[in-house]
N, C-alpha and C. Protein backbone atom coordinates (compact mmCIF):
# COMPACT_ATOMS: atom_id res chain seq x y z
N UNK A 1 -6.34 -52.98 1.55
CA UNK A 1 -6.08 -51.56 1.39
C UNK A 1 -6.65 -51.07 0.06
N UNK A 2 -6.88 -49.78 0.03
CA UNK A 2 -7.41 -49.15 -1.20
C UNK A 2 -6.88 -47.74 -1.27
N UNK A 3 -6.36 -47.36 -2.42
CA UNK A 3 -5.80 -46.03 -2.61
C UNK A 3 -6.83 -45.16 -3.32
N UNK A 4 -7.29 -44.12 -2.61
CA UNK A 4 -8.28 -43.21 -3.20
C UNK A 4 -7.60 -42.26 -4.15
N UNK A 5 -8.38 -41.73 -5.09
CA UNK A 5 -7.86 -40.74 -6.02
C UNK A 5 -7.77 -39.37 -5.37
N UNK A 6 -7.41 -38.34 -6.13
CA UNK A 6 -7.32 -36.98 -5.58
C UNK A 6 -8.63 -36.54 -4.94
N UNK A 7 -8.52 -35.87 -3.80
CA UNK A 7 -9.69 -35.41 -3.07
C UNK A 7 -9.65 -33.89 -3.03
N UNK A 8 -10.74 -33.23 -3.42
CA UNK A 8 -10.76 -31.77 -3.46
C UNK A 8 -11.73 -31.16 -2.46
N UNK A 9 -12.48 -31.96 -1.75
CA UNK A 9 -13.43 -31.45 -0.78
C UNK A 9 -13.74 -32.51 0.26
N UNK A 10 -14.62 -32.18 1.20
CA UNK A 10 -15.00 -33.14 2.24
C UNK A 10 -15.61 -34.38 1.59
N UNK A 11 -15.08 -35.56 1.95
CA UNK A 11 -15.48 -36.83 1.32
C UNK A 11 -15.80 -37.86 2.39
N UNK A 12 -16.80 -38.70 2.11
CA UNK A 12 -17.23 -39.74 3.05
C UNK A 12 -16.95 -41.12 2.44
N UNK A 13 -16.38 -42.02 3.26
CA UNK A 13 -16.06 -43.38 2.81
C UNK A 13 -16.64 -44.39 3.78
N UNK A 14 -17.00 -45.56 3.23
CA UNK A 14 -17.26 -46.73 4.05
C UNK A 14 -16.93 -47.97 3.23
N UNK A 15 -16.63 -49.05 3.92
CA UNK A 15 -16.24 -50.29 3.24
C UNK A 15 -17.34 -51.34 3.39
N UNK A 16 -17.49 -52.15 2.34
CA UNK A 16 -18.39 -53.31 2.37
C UNK A 16 -17.52 -54.56 2.37
N UNK A 17 -17.68 -55.41 3.37
CA UNK A 17 -16.82 -56.58 3.54
C UNK A 17 -17.63 -57.85 3.27
N UNK A 18 -17.11 -58.68 2.34
CA UNK A 18 -17.75 -59.95 2.02
C UNK A 18 -16.80 -61.09 2.41
N UNK A 19 -17.36 -62.22 2.80
CA UNK A 19 -16.56 -63.41 3.13
C UNK A 19 -17.24 -64.64 2.58
N UNK A 20 -16.68 -65.22 1.53
CA UNK A 20 -17.19 -66.44 0.92
C UNK A 20 -18.67 -66.32 0.57
N UNK A 21 -18.98 -65.19 -0.06
CA UNK A 21 -20.34 -65.00 -0.53
C UNK A 21 -21.29 -64.47 0.52
N UNK A 22 -20.83 -64.35 1.73
CA UNK A 22 -21.70 -63.83 2.80
C UNK A 22 -21.41 -62.35 3.04
N UNK A 23 -22.37 -61.67 3.47
CA UNK A 23 -22.21 -60.25 3.79
C UNK A 23 -23.15 -59.41 2.94
N UNK A 24 -22.94 -58.15 2.89
CA UNK A 24 -21.71 -57.51 3.37
C UNK A 24 -21.82 -57.02 4.82
N UNK A 25 -20.65 -56.90 5.42
CA UNK A 25 -20.57 -56.17 6.68
C UNK A 25 -20.16 -54.74 6.32
N UNK A 26 -20.86 -53.80 6.88
CA UNK A 26 -20.66 -52.40 6.49
C UNK A 26 -19.95 -51.66 7.62
N UNK A 27 -18.87 -51.05 7.29
CA UNK A 27 -18.11 -50.32 8.30
C UNK A 27 -18.77 -48.96 8.58
N UNK A 28 -18.41 -48.32 9.70
CA UNK A 28 -18.87 -46.95 9.93
C UNK A 28 -18.31 -46.01 8.86
N UNK A 29 -18.98 -44.89 8.71
CA UNK A 29 -18.54 -43.90 7.73
C UNK A 29 -17.26 -43.21 8.20
N UNK A 30 -16.29 -43.12 7.30
CA UNK A 30 -15.06 -42.35 7.57
C UNK A 30 -15.16 -41.03 6.81
N UNK A 31 -15.03 -39.93 7.54
CA UNK A 31 -15.14 -38.60 6.93
C UNK A 31 -13.75 -38.00 6.77
N UNK A 32 -13.45 -37.58 5.55
CA UNK A 32 -12.17 -36.94 5.26
C UNK A 32 -12.43 -35.46 5.03
N UNK A 33 -11.86 -34.60 5.91
CA UNK A 33 -11.98 -33.15 5.76
C UNK A 33 -10.70 -32.61 5.11
N UNK A 34 -10.87 -31.83 4.07
CA UNK A 34 -9.73 -31.28 3.35
C UNK A 34 -9.41 -29.89 3.90
N UNK A 35 -8.19 -29.72 4.38
CA UNK A 35 -7.70 -28.42 4.84
C UNK A 35 -6.96 -27.76 3.68
N UNK A 36 -7.29 -26.49 3.34
CA UNK A 36 -6.59 -25.83 2.22
C UNK A 36 -5.08 -25.87 2.40
N UNK A 37 -4.38 -26.12 1.32
CA UNK A 37 -2.93 -26.18 1.38
C UNK A 37 -2.31 -24.80 1.32
N UNK A 38 -1.05 -24.74 1.11
CA UNK A 38 -0.33 -23.47 1.12
C UNK A 38 0.01 -23.01 -0.30
N UNK A 39 -0.96 -23.14 -1.18
CA UNK A 39 -0.77 -22.68 -2.55
C UNK A 39 -1.12 -21.19 -2.62
N UNK A 40 -0.34 -20.39 -1.88
CA UNK A 40 -0.62 -18.98 -1.75
C UNK A 40 0.41 -18.15 -2.52
N UNK A 41 0.07 -16.89 -2.73
CA UNK A 41 1.01 -15.92 -3.28
C UNK A 41 0.53 -14.53 -2.89
N UNK A 42 1.32 -13.53 -3.21
CA UNK A 42 0.94 -12.16 -2.89
C UNK A 42 1.40 -11.24 -4.01
N UNK A 43 0.51 -10.34 -4.41
CA UNK A 43 0.83 -9.34 -5.42
C UNK A 43 0.93 -7.97 -4.75
N UNK A 44 1.76 -7.10 -5.31
CA UNK A 44 1.91 -5.76 -4.79
C UNK A 44 1.44 -4.75 -5.84
N UNK A 45 0.54 -3.85 -5.43
CA UNK A 45 0.03 -2.80 -6.32
C UNK A 45 0.41 -1.44 -5.73
N UNK A 46 0.51 -0.43 -6.60
CA UNK A 46 0.89 0.91 -6.18
C UNK A 46 -0.15 1.90 -6.67
N UNK A 47 -0.41 2.93 -5.87
CA UNK A 47 -1.47 3.89 -6.21
C UNK A 47 -1.12 4.73 -7.43
N UNK A 48 0.16 5.04 -7.63
CA UNK A 48 0.58 5.76 -8.83
C UNK A 48 2.08 5.60 -9.04
N UNK A 49 2.47 5.55 -10.29
CA UNK A 49 3.86 5.44 -10.68
C UNK A 49 3.95 5.77 -12.17
N UNK A 50 4.63 6.88 -12.55
CA UNK A 50 5.54 7.71 -11.75
C UNK A 50 4.81 8.66 -10.81
N UNK A 51 5.59 9.29 -9.92
CA UNK A 51 5.07 10.25 -8.96
C UNK A 51 5.99 11.46 -8.91
N UNK A 52 5.51 12.51 -8.25
CA UNK A 52 6.34 13.70 -8.02
C UNK A 52 6.97 13.61 -6.64
N UNK A 53 8.18 14.11 -6.51
CA UNK A 53 8.92 14.07 -5.26
C UNK A 53 8.08 14.64 -4.12
N UNK A 54 7.96 13.85 -3.04
CA UNK A 54 7.24 14.31 -1.87
C UNK A 54 5.76 14.01 -1.87
N UNK A 55 5.21 13.56 -2.99
CA UNK A 55 3.79 13.22 -3.01
C UNK A 55 3.55 11.87 -2.33
N UNK A 56 2.40 11.68 -1.67
CA UNK A 56 2.14 10.41 -1.00
C UNK A 56 1.87 9.28 -2.00
N UNK A 57 2.42 8.11 -1.70
CA UNK A 57 2.23 6.92 -2.52
C UNK A 57 1.82 5.78 -1.60
N UNK A 58 0.82 5.02 -1.99
CA UNK A 58 0.34 3.90 -1.19
C UNK A 58 0.56 2.59 -1.94
N UNK A 59 1.19 1.63 -1.25
CA UNK A 59 1.39 0.28 -1.78
C UNK A 59 0.42 -0.65 -1.05
N UNK A 60 -0.20 -1.56 -1.81
CA UNK A 60 -1.18 -2.48 -1.24
C UNK A 60 -0.79 -3.91 -1.57
N UNK A 61 -0.69 -4.74 -0.52
CA UNK A 61 -0.43 -6.17 -0.70
C UNK A 61 -1.75 -6.88 -0.93
N UNK A 62 -1.82 -7.68 -1.99
CA UNK A 62 -3.05 -8.38 -2.36
C UNK A 62 -2.79 -9.88 -2.27
N UNK A 63 -3.28 -10.53 -1.19
CA UNK A 63 -3.07 -11.99 -1.05
C UNK A 63 -3.85 -12.76 -2.12
N UNK A 64 -3.27 -13.86 -2.55
CA UNK A 64 -3.91 -14.76 -3.51
C UNK A 64 -4.04 -16.13 -2.86
N UNK A 65 -5.23 -16.73 -2.96
CA UNK A 65 -5.44 -18.05 -2.40
C UNK A 65 -6.07 -18.05 -1.01
N UNK A 66 -6.57 -16.90 -0.56
CA UNK A 66 -7.27 -16.78 0.73
C UNK A 66 -6.49 -17.36 1.90
N UNK A 67 -5.25 -16.91 2.12
CA UNK A 67 -4.48 -17.41 3.27
C UNK A 67 -5.12 -16.96 4.57
N UNK A 68 -5.06 -17.80 5.63
CA UNK A 68 -5.66 -17.42 6.91
C UNK A 68 -4.78 -16.43 7.67
N UNK A 69 -5.33 -15.28 8.02
CA UNK A 69 -4.67 -14.27 8.86
C UNK A 69 -3.22 -14.00 8.46
N UNK A 70 -2.98 -13.60 7.22
CA UNK A 70 -1.59 -13.31 6.82
C UNK A 70 -1.08 -12.04 7.48
N UNK A 71 0.22 -11.95 7.65
CA UNK A 71 0.86 -10.71 8.09
C UNK A 71 1.83 -10.27 7.00
N UNK A 72 2.14 -8.97 6.99
CA UNK A 72 2.90 -8.40 5.89
C UNK A 72 4.07 -7.57 6.39
N UNK A 73 5.18 -7.67 5.68
CA UNK A 73 6.35 -6.84 5.94
C UNK A 73 6.77 -6.20 4.62
N UNK A 74 6.76 -4.86 4.59
CA UNK A 74 7.15 -4.14 3.39
C UNK A 74 8.63 -3.80 3.45
N UNK A 75 9.23 -3.67 2.26
CA UNK A 75 10.65 -3.36 2.14
C UNK A 75 10.86 -2.28 1.08
N UNK A 76 11.76 -1.34 1.36
CA UNK A 76 12.21 -0.37 0.36
C UNK A 76 13.71 -0.56 0.20
N UNK A 77 14.12 -0.94 -1.00
CA UNK A 77 15.53 -1.23 -1.29
C UNK A 77 16.10 -2.26 -0.32
N UNK A 78 15.25 -3.25 0.05
CA UNK A 78 15.69 -4.34 0.92
C UNK A 78 15.65 -4.03 2.39
N UNK A 79 15.28 -2.81 2.78
CA UNK A 79 15.22 -2.42 4.19
C UNK A 79 13.78 -2.47 4.68
N UNK A 80 13.51 -3.15 5.81
CA UNK A 80 12.13 -3.21 6.31
C UNK A 80 11.60 -1.82 6.67
N UNK A 81 10.35 -1.58 6.34
CA UNK A 81 9.67 -0.32 6.67
C UNK A 81 8.34 -0.66 7.32
N UNK A 82 7.80 0.30 8.06
CA UNK A 82 6.57 0.07 8.83
C UNK A 82 5.36 0.32 7.95
N UNK A 83 4.53 -0.71 7.81
CA UNK A 83 3.27 -0.58 7.10
C UNK A 83 2.11 -0.61 8.07
N UNK A 84 0.91 -0.58 7.54
CA UNK A 84 -0.31 -0.67 8.35
C UNK A 84 -1.18 -1.76 7.75
N UNK A 85 -1.12 -2.96 8.35
CA UNK A 85 -1.85 -4.08 7.75
C UNK A 85 -1.26 -4.43 6.40
N UNK A 86 -2.12 -4.42 5.39
CA UNK A 86 -1.64 -4.79 4.05
C UNK A 86 -1.31 -3.57 3.19
N UNK A 87 -1.14 -2.38 3.83
CA UNK A 87 -0.79 -1.18 3.06
C UNK A 87 0.44 -0.49 3.65
N UNK A 88 1.11 0.25 2.81
CA UNK A 88 2.28 1.05 3.20
C UNK A 88 2.21 2.36 2.43
N UNK A 89 2.18 3.48 3.15
CA UNK A 89 2.11 4.81 2.54
C UNK A 89 3.34 5.61 2.92
N UNK A 90 3.92 6.30 1.93
CA UNK A 90 5.14 7.06 2.18
C UNK A 90 5.18 8.28 1.28
N UNK A 91 5.93 9.30 1.75
CA UNK A 91 6.20 10.48 0.92
C UNK A 91 7.71 10.65 0.71
N UNK A 92 8.47 9.62 1.05
CA UNK A 92 9.93 9.74 1.09
C UNK A 92 10.66 8.91 0.04
N UNK A 93 10.02 8.62 -1.07
CA UNK A 93 10.67 7.80 -2.08
C UNK A 93 11.58 8.64 -2.97
N UNK A 94 12.61 7.98 -3.48
CA UNK A 94 13.51 8.59 -4.45
C UNK A 94 13.44 7.82 -5.76
N UNK A 95 13.88 8.48 -6.82
CA UNK A 95 13.84 7.83 -8.12
C UNK A 95 14.65 6.54 -8.11
N UNK A 96 14.04 5.46 -8.62
CA UNK A 96 14.72 4.17 -8.69
C UNK A 96 14.53 3.30 -7.46
N UNK A 97 13.88 3.80 -6.41
CA UNK A 97 13.63 2.97 -5.23
C UNK A 97 12.81 1.74 -5.62
N UNK A 98 13.14 0.62 -4.96
CA UNK A 98 12.44 -0.64 -5.24
C UNK A 98 11.69 -1.09 -4.00
N UNK A 99 10.41 -1.42 -4.20
CA UNK A 99 9.53 -1.77 -3.09
C UNK A 99 8.95 -3.16 -3.33
N UNK A 100 8.98 -4.00 -2.29
CA UNK A 100 8.29 -5.29 -2.34
C UNK A 100 7.74 -5.60 -0.96
N UNK A 101 6.94 -6.65 -0.87
CA UNK A 101 6.34 -7.05 0.40
C UNK A 101 6.48 -8.56 0.56
N UNK A 102 6.66 -8.99 1.82
CA UNK A 102 6.64 -10.42 2.15
C UNK A 102 5.39 -10.71 2.97
N UNK A 103 4.74 -11.82 2.65
CA UNK A 103 3.55 -12.26 3.36
C UNK A 103 3.86 -13.52 4.14
N UNK A 104 3.62 -13.50 5.44
CA UNK A 104 3.84 -14.66 6.30
C UNK A 104 2.50 -15.32 6.59
N UNK A 105 2.43 -16.62 6.34
CA UNK A 105 1.20 -17.38 6.55
C UNK A 105 1.49 -18.55 7.47
N UNK A 106 0.65 -18.73 8.47
CA UNK A 106 0.71 -19.91 9.33
C UNK A 106 -0.63 -20.61 9.24
N UNK A 107 -0.63 -21.88 8.81
CA UNK A 107 -1.87 -22.62 8.66
C UNK A 107 -1.67 -24.06 9.11
N UNK A 108 -2.77 -24.81 9.12
CA UNK A 108 -2.71 -26.21 9.54
C UNK A 108 -1.82 -27.04 8.64
N UNK A 109 -1.61 -26.58 7.44
CA UNK A 109 -0.77 -27.31 6.50
C UNK A 109 0.65 -26.77 6.46
N UNK A 110 0.99 -25.93 7.42
CA UNK A 110 2.36 -25.44 7.48
C UNK A 110 2.45 -23.94 7.35
N UNK A 111 3.64 -23.44 7.55
CA UNK A 111 3.90 -22.00 7.48
C UNK A 111 4.77 -21.70 6.28
N UNK A 112 4.70 -20.45 5.84
CA UNK A 112 5.54 -20.07 4.71
C UNK A 112 5.61 -18.56 4.56
N UNK A 113 6.66 -18.10 3.91
CA UNK A 113 6.83 -16.70 3.58
C UNK A 113 6.79 -16.55 2.06
N UNK A 114 5.96 -15.65 1.59
CA UNK A 114 5.73 -15.49 0.16
C UNK A 114 6.12 -14.06 -0.23
N UNK A 115 6.93 -13.94 -1.27
CA UNK A 115 7.47 -12.66 -1.69
C UNK A 115 6.74 -12.16 -2.93
N UNK A 116 6.39 -10.89 -2.92
CA UNK A 116 5.64 -10.28 -4.03
C UNK A 116 6.55 -9.90 -5.18
N UNK A 117 5.94 -9.38 -6.21
CA UNK A 117 6.65 -8.69 -7.28
C UNK A 117 7.31 -7.43 -6.72
N UNK A 118 8.35 -6.96 -7.39
CA UNK A 118 9.05 -5.74 -6.99
C UNK A 118 8.63 -4.59 -7.90
N UNK A 119 8.31 -3.45 -7.30
CA UNK A 119 7.93 -2.26 -8.06
C UNK A 119 9.09 -1.26 -7.99
N UNK A 120 9.58 -0.87 -9.15
CA UNK A 120 10.62 0.15 -9.23
C UNK A 120 9.96 1.49 -9.51
N UNK A 121 10.22 2.45 -8.61
CA UNK A 121 9.52 3.73 -8.68
C UNK A 121 10.26 4.74 -9.57
N UNK A 122 9.47 5.49 -10.32
CA UNK A 122 9.97 6.66 -11.04
C UNK A 122 9.49 7.90 -10.29
N UNK A 123 10.42 8.62 -9.69
CA UNK A 123 10.10 9.79 -8.88
C UNK A 123 10.70 11.02 -9.55
N UNK A 124 9.83 11.91 -10.00
CA UNK A 124 10.28 13.11 -10.70
C UNK A 124 10.40 14.29 -9.73
N UNK A 125 11.48 15.09 -9.85
CA UNK A 125 11.63 16.24 -8.94
C UNK A 125 10.59 17.31 -9.24
N UNK A 126 10.16 17.99 -8.18
CA UNK A 126 9.26 19.12 -8.37
C UNK A 126 10.07 20.37 -8.70
N UNK A 127 9.56 21.19 -9.61
CA UNK A 127 10.26 22.44 -9.90
C UNK A 127 10.09 23.43 -8.74
N UNK A 128 10.86 24.49 -8.76
CA UNK A 128 10.73 25.58 -7.80
C UNK A 128 10.66 26.89 -8.56
N UNK A 129 10.17 27.95 -7.89
CA UNK A 129 10.09 29.25 -8.55
C UNK A 129 10.12 30.35 -7.50
N UNK A 130 10.84 31.42 -7.82
CA UNK A 130 10.81 32.64 -7.03
C UNK A 130 10.42 33.79 -7.95
N UNK A 131 9.86 34.87 -7.37
CA UNK A 131 9.45 36.00 -8.19
C UNK A 131 9.95 37.31 -7.56
N UNK A 132 10.08 38.29 -8.40
CA UNK A 132 10.36 39.66 -7.95
C UNK A 132 9.35 40.59 -8.61
N UNK A 133 9.06 41.71 -7.95
CA UNK A 133 8.07 42.63 -8.49
C UNK A 133 8.39 44.07 -8.14
N UNK A 134 7.46 44.96 -8.38
CA UNK A 134 7.68 46.38 -8.11
C UNK A 134 7.98 46.63 -6.63
N UNK A 135 8.83 47.55 -6.36
CA UNK A 135 9.10 47.94 -4.98
C UNK A 135 8.36 49.24 -4.67
N UNK A 136 7.83 49.36 -3.50
CA UNK A 136 7.11 50.56 -3.13
C UNK A 136 5.68 50.56 -3.63
N UNK A 137 5.00 51.68 -3.42
CA UNK A 137 3.58 51.80 -3.75
C UNK A 137 3.39 52.02 -5.24
N UNK A 138 2.22 51.59 -5.74
CA UNK A 138 1.85 51.79 -7.14
C UNK A 138 0.63 52.70 -7.20
N UNK A 139 0.54 53.45 -8.24
CA UNK A 139 -0.67 54.24 -8.48
C UNK A 139 -1.74 53.33 -9.09
N UNK A 140 -2.99 53.57 -8.74
CA UNK A 140 -4.09 52.78 -9.30
C UNK A 140 -4.06 52.88 -10.82
N UNK A 141 -4.16 51.72 -11.50
CA UNK A 141 -4.16 51.68 -12.95
C UNK A 141 -2.80 51.65 -13.58
N UNK A 142 -1.74 51.77 -12.76
CA UNK A 142 -0.38 51.73 -13.32
C UNK A 142 0.02 50.29 -13.60
N UNK A 143 0.91 50.12 -14.58
CA UNK A 143 1.40 48.79 -14.90
C UNK A 143 2.33 48.29 -13.79
N UNK A 144 2.17 47.02 -13.46
CA UNK A 144 3.08 46.36 -12.52
C UNK A 144 3.63 45.12 -13.22
N UNK A 145 4.94 44.99 -13.24
CA UNK A 145 5.58 43.85 -13.91
C UNK A 145 6.28 42.97 -12.88
N UNK A 146 6.00 41.66 -12.98
CA UNK A 146 6.59 40.68 -12.08
C UNK A 146 7.44 39.72 -12.92
N UNK A 147 8.58 39.30 -12.35
CA UNK A 147 9.50 38.41 -13.05
C UNK A 147 9.70 37.15 -12.23
N UNK A 148 9.62 35.99 -12.90
CA UNK A 148 9.78 34.69 -12.23
C UNK A 148 11.09 34.04 -12.64
N UNK A 149 11.70 33.34 -11.69
CA UNK A 149 12.91 32.55 -11.97
C UNK A 149 12.61 31.10 -11.59
N UNK A 150 12.27 30.27 -12.60
CA UNK A 150 11.95 28.86 -12.29
C UNK A 150 13.19 27.99 -12.35
N UNK A 151 13.15 26.91 -11.59
CA UNK A 151 14.18 25.87 -11.66
C UNK A 151 13.49 24.52 -11.82
N UNK A 152 13.73 23.81 -12.92
CA UNK A 152 14.64 24.15 -14.02
C UNK A 152 14.08 25.29 -14.87
N UNK A 153 14.96 25.86 -15.66
CA UNK A 153 14.56 27.01 -16.47
C UNK A 153 13.51 26.66 -17.51
N UNK A 154 13.37 25.37 -17.83
CA UNK A 154 12.40 24.95 -18.85
C UNK A 154 10.99 24.81 -18.30
N UNK A 155 10.83 24.95 -16.98
CA UNK A 155 9.50 24.81 -16.39
C UNK A 155 8.58 25.93 -16.87
N UNK A 156 7.31 25.62 -16.99
CA UNK A 156 6.30 26.61 -17.37
C UNK A 156 5.84 27.36 -16.12
N UNK A 157 5.78 28.68 -16.21
CA UNK A 157 5.35 29.50 -15.07
C UNK A 157 3.92 29.95 -15.28
N UNK A 158 3.08 29.72 -14.26
CA UNK A 158 1.69 30.17 -14.28
C UNK A 158 1.52 31.25 -13.21
N UNK A 159 0.76 32.30 -13.55
CA UNK A 159 0.61 33.44 -12.63
C UNK A 159 -0.78 33.45 -12.00
N UNK A 160 -0.80 33.75 -10.71
CA UNK A 160 -2.04 33.77 -9.94
C UNK A 160 -2.17 35.10 -9.21
N UNK A 161 -3.41 35.58 -9.09
CA UNK A 161 -3.72 36.75 -8.26
C UNK A 161 -4.82 36.36 -7.30
N UNK A 162 -4.53 36.48 -6.03
CA UNK A 162 -5.49 36.13 -4.98
C UNK A 162 -6.01 34.70 -5.13
N UNK A 163 -5.10 33.79 -5.54
CA UNK A 163 -5.46 32.37 -5.63
C UNK A 163 -6.13 31.96 -6.91
N UNK A 164 -6.35 32.88 -7.83
CA UNK A 164 -7.02 32.58 -9.09
C UNK A 164 -6.03 32.65 -10.24
N UNK A 165 -6.00 31.60 -11.06
CA UNK A 165 -5.10 31.58 -12.22
C UNK A 165 -5.52 32.67 -13.20
N UNK A 166 -4.58 33.53 -13.56
CA UNK A 166 -4.89 34.66 -14.45
C UNK A 166 -4.97 34.26 -15.91
N UNK A 167 -4.47 33.06 -16.22
CA UNK A 167 -4.36 32.64 -17.61
C UNK A 167 -3.03 33.00 -18.23
N UNK A 168 -2.22 33.79 -17.51
CA UNK A 168 -0.92 34.22 -18.02
C UNK A 168 0.15 33.20 -17.69
N UNK A 169 1.03 32.95 -18.63
CA UNK A 169 2.18 32.07 -18.43
C UNK A 169 3.43 32.77 -18.92
N UNK A 170 4.59 32.25 -18.54
CA UNK A 170 5.86 32.84 -18.94
C UNK A 170 6.56 33.42 -17.75
N UNK A 171 7.78 33.87 -17.97
CA UNK A 171 8.60 34.33 -16.84
C UNK A 171 8.31 35.77 -16.44
N UNK A 172 7.49 36.49 -17.21
CA UNK A 172 7.09 37.83 -16.80
C UNK A 172 5.57 37.95 -16.86
N UNK A 173 5.05 38.80 -15.97
CA UNK A 173 3.60 39.04 -15.91
C UNK A 173 3.40 40.52 -15.66
N UNK A 174 2.66 41.18 -16.54
CA UNK A 174 2.38 42.61 -16.40
C UNK A 174 0.87 42.82 -16.33
N UNK A 175 0.45 43.64 -15.38
CA UNK A 175 -0.97 43.92 -15.22
C UNK A 175 -1.15 45.35 -14.71
N UNK A 176 -2.30 45.94 -15.07
CA UNK A 176 -2.66 47.26 -14.52
C UNK A 176 -3.97 47.18 -13.76
N UNK A 177 -4.35 45.95 -13.39
CA UNK A 177 -5.65 45.73 -12.76
C UNK A 177 -5.55 45.36 -11.29
N UNK A 178 -4.42 45.64 -10.66
CA UNK A 178 -4.26 45.27 -9.25
C UNK A 178 -4.94 46.29 -8.33
N UNK A 179 -5.42 45.77 -7.21
CA UNK A 179 -5.98 46.62 -6.18
C UNK A 179 -5.13 46.52 -4.93
N UNK A 180 -5.31 47.46 -4.02
CA UNK A 180 -4.53 47.45 -2.79
C UNK A 180 -4.74 46.13 -2.04
N UNK A 181 -3.65 45.47 -1.65
CA UNK A 181 -3.73 44.22 -0.89
C UNK A 181 -3.77 42.97 -1.74
N UNK A 182 -3.83 43.10 -3.07
CA UNK A 182 -3.82 41.91 -3.93
C UNK A 182 -2.52 41.13 -3.73
N UNK A 183 -2.65 39.81 -3.83
CA UNK A 183 -1.49 38.93 -3.68
C UNK A 183 -1.18 38.25 -5.01
N UNK A 184 0.03 38.43 -5.48
CA UNK A 184 0.47 37.85 -6.75
C UNK A 184 1.52 36.79 -6.46
N UNK A 185 1.35 35.62 -7.06
CA UNK A 185 2.37 34.58 -6.92
C UNK A 185 2.40 33.75 -8.20
N UNK A 186 3.43 32.91 -8.30
CA UNK A 186 3.61 32.06 -9.48
C UNK A 186 3.77 30.61 -9.04
N UNK A 187 3.41 29.70 -9.94
CA UNK A 187 3.63 28.27 -9.76
C UNK A 187 4.35 27.76 -11.01
N UNK A 188 5.40 26.98 -10.80
CA UNK A 188 6.14 26.38 -11.92
C UNK A 188 5.64 24.96 -12.15
N UNK A 189 5.50 24.60 -13.41
CA UNK A 189 5.01 23.27 -13.79
C UNK A 189 6.02 22.62 -14.72
N UNK A 190 6.42 21.41 -14.36
CA UNK A 190 7.35 20.63 -15.19
C UNK A 190 6.75 19.25 -15.34
N UNK A 191 6.28 18.92 -16.56
CA UNK A 191 5.62 17.64 -16.75
C UNK A 191 4.35 17.59 -15.92
N UNK A 192 4.24 16.53 -15.10
CA UNK A 192 3.05 16.39 -14.24
C UNK A 192 3.29 16.94 -12.84
N UNK A 193 4.44 17.57 -12.60
CA UNK A 193 4.80 18.04 -11.26
C UNK A 193 4.72 19.55 -11.18
N UNK A 194 4.17 20.05 -10.07
CA UNK A 194 4.03 21.49 -9.84
C UNK A 194 4.78 21.89 -8.58
N UNK A 195 5.29 23.11 -8.60
CA UNK A 195 5.99 23.64 -7.44
C UNK A 195 5.00 24.13 -6.39
N UNK A 196 5.53 24.43 -5.23
CA UNK A 196 4.76 25.18 -4.25
C UNK A 196 4.63 26.62 -4.74
N UNK A 197 3.64 27.37 -4.27
CA UNK A 197 3.54 28.78 -4.67
C UNK A 197 4.81 29.53 -4.34
N UNK A 198 5.15 30.49 -5.19
CA UNK A 198 6.37 31.27 -4.99
C UNK A 198 6.26 32.16 -3.76
N UNK A 199 7.37 32.82 -3.46
CA UNK A 199 7.38 33.79 -2.37
C UNK A 199 6.37 34.89 -2.64
């Protein structure tokens, strides 16, 4: 018998046999094929963190060690959720939610489940804003004043006319440059999060 050392790739062996100085007799070649083991792992990456409430977030499972045909199960706060292959996209996260993924591998060297790192999400609420303005018709060139009520009150209010930012900020906006049919609205901004356009 002979104990070979560590083998890292396909290896060929044969034996030379001697008997009382005669020989050698040479055996056929023995080929040893190495099948990759289960030294696998999986990492979880996220498209953005922190995020604003309701914005889409994509999580991606990244296999390590080239596992054959892995499958993935994503979890939010320990509850299984439906992903698509190695990705999971959602708009329903709350602040403090924890996301991880499990990777299942079946190979010639055995099966195993591998758990990723856990990502704790920071989800910031989006502000809201409503506005009030002049009632009834205005004369051309007359001043029109609009008032915004943002929530939270510390949010910055930006004013728009016909979809274009006027450059004006604050809870009031006064202009004498409106034309018939112009549309005025406000957007509240808090940190990196913006509200939907006001009424």
